[in-house]
């Protein structure tokens, strides 16, 4: 159906479709005359400017987020490096402490061994002196018994004189 089609025998100006078309055309002309299209164009331009500003803001925020991400990644890397340094230092400290502990233990063992050897040497000297003293006592006792049983009083006197003379030589 065409816009200007009318019923057969009816003039076109009596057809309602004609008048609707005229009204629409008049309405569009009034809008054009009043600047509605300019206002719609300005609104669309304003909307385009706002969208461009939003895009620029989004681009700026994205760049800022990327910079912030890079900063956090650098900080994370620095923290990992610092943690690795701390671990290495802790290992060095542990090795140093272990070496000092081994050296300290070795020194204590050597000191205790020396003390034990000194105690053993003292005990040997003491035992030897006790054995000598006991041997001397036994020798003196045996000699006394022997002298009492076999020697006469004149032999005793001569032995005492010889002992006194020998004592004088030993003291000088």
Protein backbone atom coordinates (compact mmCIF):
# COMPACT_ATOMS: atom_id res chain seq x y z
CA UNK A 1 0.00 0.00 0.00
CA UNK A 2 1.31 3.38 -0.98
CA UNK A 3 1.02 6.51 1.11
CA UNK A 4 -1.11 8.30 -1.40
CA UNK A 5 -3.36 5.41 -2.20
CA UNK A 6 -6.98 6.26 -1.64
CA UNK A 7 -10.16 4.37 -2.07
CA UNK A 8 -11.49 4.45 -5.62
CA UNK A 9 -13.55 7.50 -6.19
CA UNK A 10 -12.35 9.29 -2.98
CA UNK A 11 -10.24 12.40 -3.39
CA UNK A 12 -6.73 12.06 -1.83
CA UNK A 13 -7.20 14.93 0.60
CA UNK A 14 -10.05 13.03 2.32
CA UNK A 15 -7.89 9.97 2.92
CA UNK A 16 -6.63 9.77 6.56
CA UNK A 17 -3.27 8.33 5.47
CA UNK A 18 -2.61 11.53 3.53
CA UNK A 19 -3.23 13.65 6.59
CA UNK A 20 -1.03 11.48 8.81
CA UNK A 21 1.77 11.85 6.29
CA UNK A 22 1.23 15.64 6.18
CA UNK A 23 1.31 15.82 9.99
CA UNK A 24 4.51 13.83 10.22
CA UNK A 25 6.17 16.01 7.60
CA UNK A 26 4.96 19.19 9.36
CA UNK A 27 6.17 17.85 12.71
CA UNK A 28 9.63 17.12 11.30
CA UNK A 29 9.74 20.60 9.71
CA UNK A 30 8.80 22.22 13.03
CA UNK A 31 11.50 20.24 14.74
CA UNK A 32 13.98 21.30 12.11
CA UNK A 33 12.89 24.90 12.41
CA UNK A 34 13.11 24.92 16.24
CA UNK A 35 16.61 23.33 16.16
CA UNK A 36 15.70 19.99 17.65
CA UNK A 37 18.09 18.24 15.30
CA UNK A 38 20.83 20.64 16.37
CA UNK A 39 19.98 19.88 20.01
CA UNK A 40 20.03 16.13 19.31
CA UNK A 41 23.34 16.54 17.48
CA UNK A 42 24.71 18.61 20.36
CA UNK A 43 23.48 15.98 22.84
CA UNK A 44 25.09 13.25 20.78
CA UNK A 45 28.29 15.29 20.52
CA UNK A 46 28.20 15.88 24.27
CA UNK A 47 27.63 12.16 24.83
CA UNK A 48 30.54 11.38 22.49
CA UNK A 49 32.78 13.80 24.45
CA UNK A 50 31.70 12.17 27.72
CA UNK A 51 32.38 8.69 26.33
CA UNK A 52 35.80 9.87 25.09
CA UNK A 53 36.55 11.32 28.54
CA UNK A 54 35.49 8.02 30.14
CA UNK A 55 37.72 6.13 27.74
CA UNK A 56 40.63 8.48 28.52
CA UNK A 57 39.98 8.03 32.25
CA UNK A 58 39.83 4.25 31.81
CA UNK A 59 43.10 4.35 29.85
CA UNK A 60 44.72 6.48 32.57
CA UNK A 61 43.46 4.14 35.30
CA UNK A 62 44.72 1.14 33.35
CA UNK A 63 48.17 2.70 32.99
CA UNK A 64 48.14 3.59 36.68
CA UNK A 65 47.12 0.02 37.56
CA UNK A 66 49.91 -1.35 35.36
CA UNK A 67 52.41 0.96 37.05
CA UNK A 68 51.12 -0.11 40.46
CA UNK A 69 51.34 -3.77 39.44
CA UNK A 70 54.92 -3.26 38.25
CA UNK A 71 55.73 -1.54 41.54
CA UNK A 72 54.25 -4.42 43.54
CA UNK A 73 56.13 -6.93 41.42
CA UNK A 74 59.40 -5.04 42.06
CA UNK A 75 58.64 -4.96 45.78
CA UNK A 76 57.82 -8.67 45.73
CA UNK A 77 61.09 -9.39 43.92
CA UNK A 78 62.99 -7.25 46.43
CA UNK A 79 61.26 -9.07 49.30
CA UNK A 80 62.15 -12.44 47.77
CA UNK A 81 65.77 -11.33 47.33
CA UNK A 82 65.85 -10.06 50.89
CA UNK A 83 64.36 -13.33 52.15
CA UNK A 84 67.00 -15.26 50.20
CA UNK A 85 69.73 -13.06 51.73
CA UNK A 86 68.31 -13.70 55.20
CA UNK A 87 68.25 -17.44 54.55
CA UNK A 88 71.85 -17.40 53.31
CA UNK A 89 72.94 -15.35 56.32
CA UNK A 90 71.12 -17.76 58.64
CA UNK A 91 72.90 -20.69 56.99
CA UNK A 92 76.27 -18.94 57.40
CA UNK A 93 75.46 -18.18 61.04
CA UNK A 94 74.41 -21.77 61.66
CA UNK A 95 77.58 -23.10 60.06
CA UNK A 96 79.66 -20.65 62.08
CA UNK A 97 77.87 -21.64 65.30
CA UNK A 98 78.37 -25.33 64.49
CA UNK A 99 82.08 -24.77 63.83
CA UNK A 100 82.42 -22.82 67.09
CA UNK A 101 80.54 -25.54 68.95
CA UNK A 102 82.81 -28.24 67.48
CA UNK A 103 85.91 -26.23 68.38
CA UNK A 104 84.57 -25.56 71.88
CA UNK A 105 83.76 -29.24 72.37
CA UNK A 106 87.21 -30.21 71.12
CA UNK A 107 88.83 -27.74 73.53
CA UNK A 108 86.75 -29.01 76.45
CA UNK A 109 87.57 -32.62 75.60
CA UNK A 110 91.29 -31.78 75.34
CA UNK A 111 91.12 -29.90 78.64
CA UNK A 112 89.33 -32.80 80.35
CA UNK A 113 91.79 -35.28 78.85
CA UNK A 114 94.67 -33.18 80.17
CA UNK A 115 92.99 -33.00 83.59
CA UNK A 116 92.45 -36.77 83.55
CA UNK A 117 96.09 -37.36 82.55
CA UNK A 118 97.21 -35.01 85.32
CA UNK A 119 95.03 -36.87 87.85
CA UNK A 120 96.38 -40.19 86.59
CA UNK A 121 99.97 -38.89 86.85
CA UNK A 122 99.29 -37.62 90.40
CA UNK A 123 97.70 -40.93 91.33
CA UNK A 124 100.71 -42.78 89.87
CA UNK A 125 103.12 -40.57 91.84
CA UNK A 126 101.08 -41.03 94.99
CA UNK A 127 100.83 -44.78 94.48
CA UNK A 128 104.54 -44.98 93.68
CA UNK A 129 105.44 -42.97 96.74
CA UNK A 130 103.13 -45.13 98.86
CA UNK A 131 104.69 -48.28 97.39
CA UNK A 132 108.19 -46.87 98.05
CA UNK A 133 107.23 -45.85 101.58
CA UNK A 134 105.73 -49.28 102.23
CA UNK A 135 108.75 -50.96 100.65
CA UNK A 136 111.03 -48.83 102.80
CA UNK A 137 109.01 -49.70 105.90
CA UNK A 138 109.15 -53.38 105.01
CA UNK A 139 112.89 -53.14 104.27
CA UNK A 140 113.53 -51.33 107.53
CA UNK A 141 111.39 -53.81 109.41
CA UNK A 142 113.12 -56.76 107.74
CA UNK A 143 116.54 -55.25 108.32
CA UNK A 144 115.65 -54.58 111.93
CA UNK A 145 114.51 -58.17 112.40
CA UNK A 146 117.65 -59.43 110.69
CA UNK A 147 119.89 -57.19 112.73
CA UNK A 148 118.22 -58.14 115.97
CA UNK A 149 118.58 -61.78 115.31
CA UNK A 150 122.09 -62.01 113.76
CA UNK A 151 124.19 -59.13 115.01
CA UNK A 152 125.90 -58.63 118.29
CA UNK A 153 125.96 -55.41 120.27
CA UNK A 154 129.47 -54.53 119.05
CA UNK A 155 128.21 -54.89 115.44
CA UNK A 156 125.37 -52.53 116.28
CA UNK A 157 127.71 -49.91 117.63
CA UNK A 158 129.98 -50.02 114.61
CA UNK A 159 126.99 -49.78 112.20
CA UNK A 160 125.62 -46.74 114.05
CA UNK A 161 129.01 -45.02 113.82
CA UNK A 162 129.26 -45.78 110.10
CA UNK A 163 125.66 -44.51 109.54
CA UNK A 164 126.45 -41.25 111.38
CA UNK A 165 129.60 -40.77 109.33
CA UNK A 166 127.73 -41.52 106.10
CA UNK A 167 124.98 -39.10 107.13
CA UNK A 168 127.49 -36.30 107.51
CA UNK A 169 128.87 -36.93 104.01
CA UNK A 170 125.34 -37.10 102.52
CA UNK A 171 124.36 -33.74 104.07
CA UNK A 172 127.47 -31.92 102.81
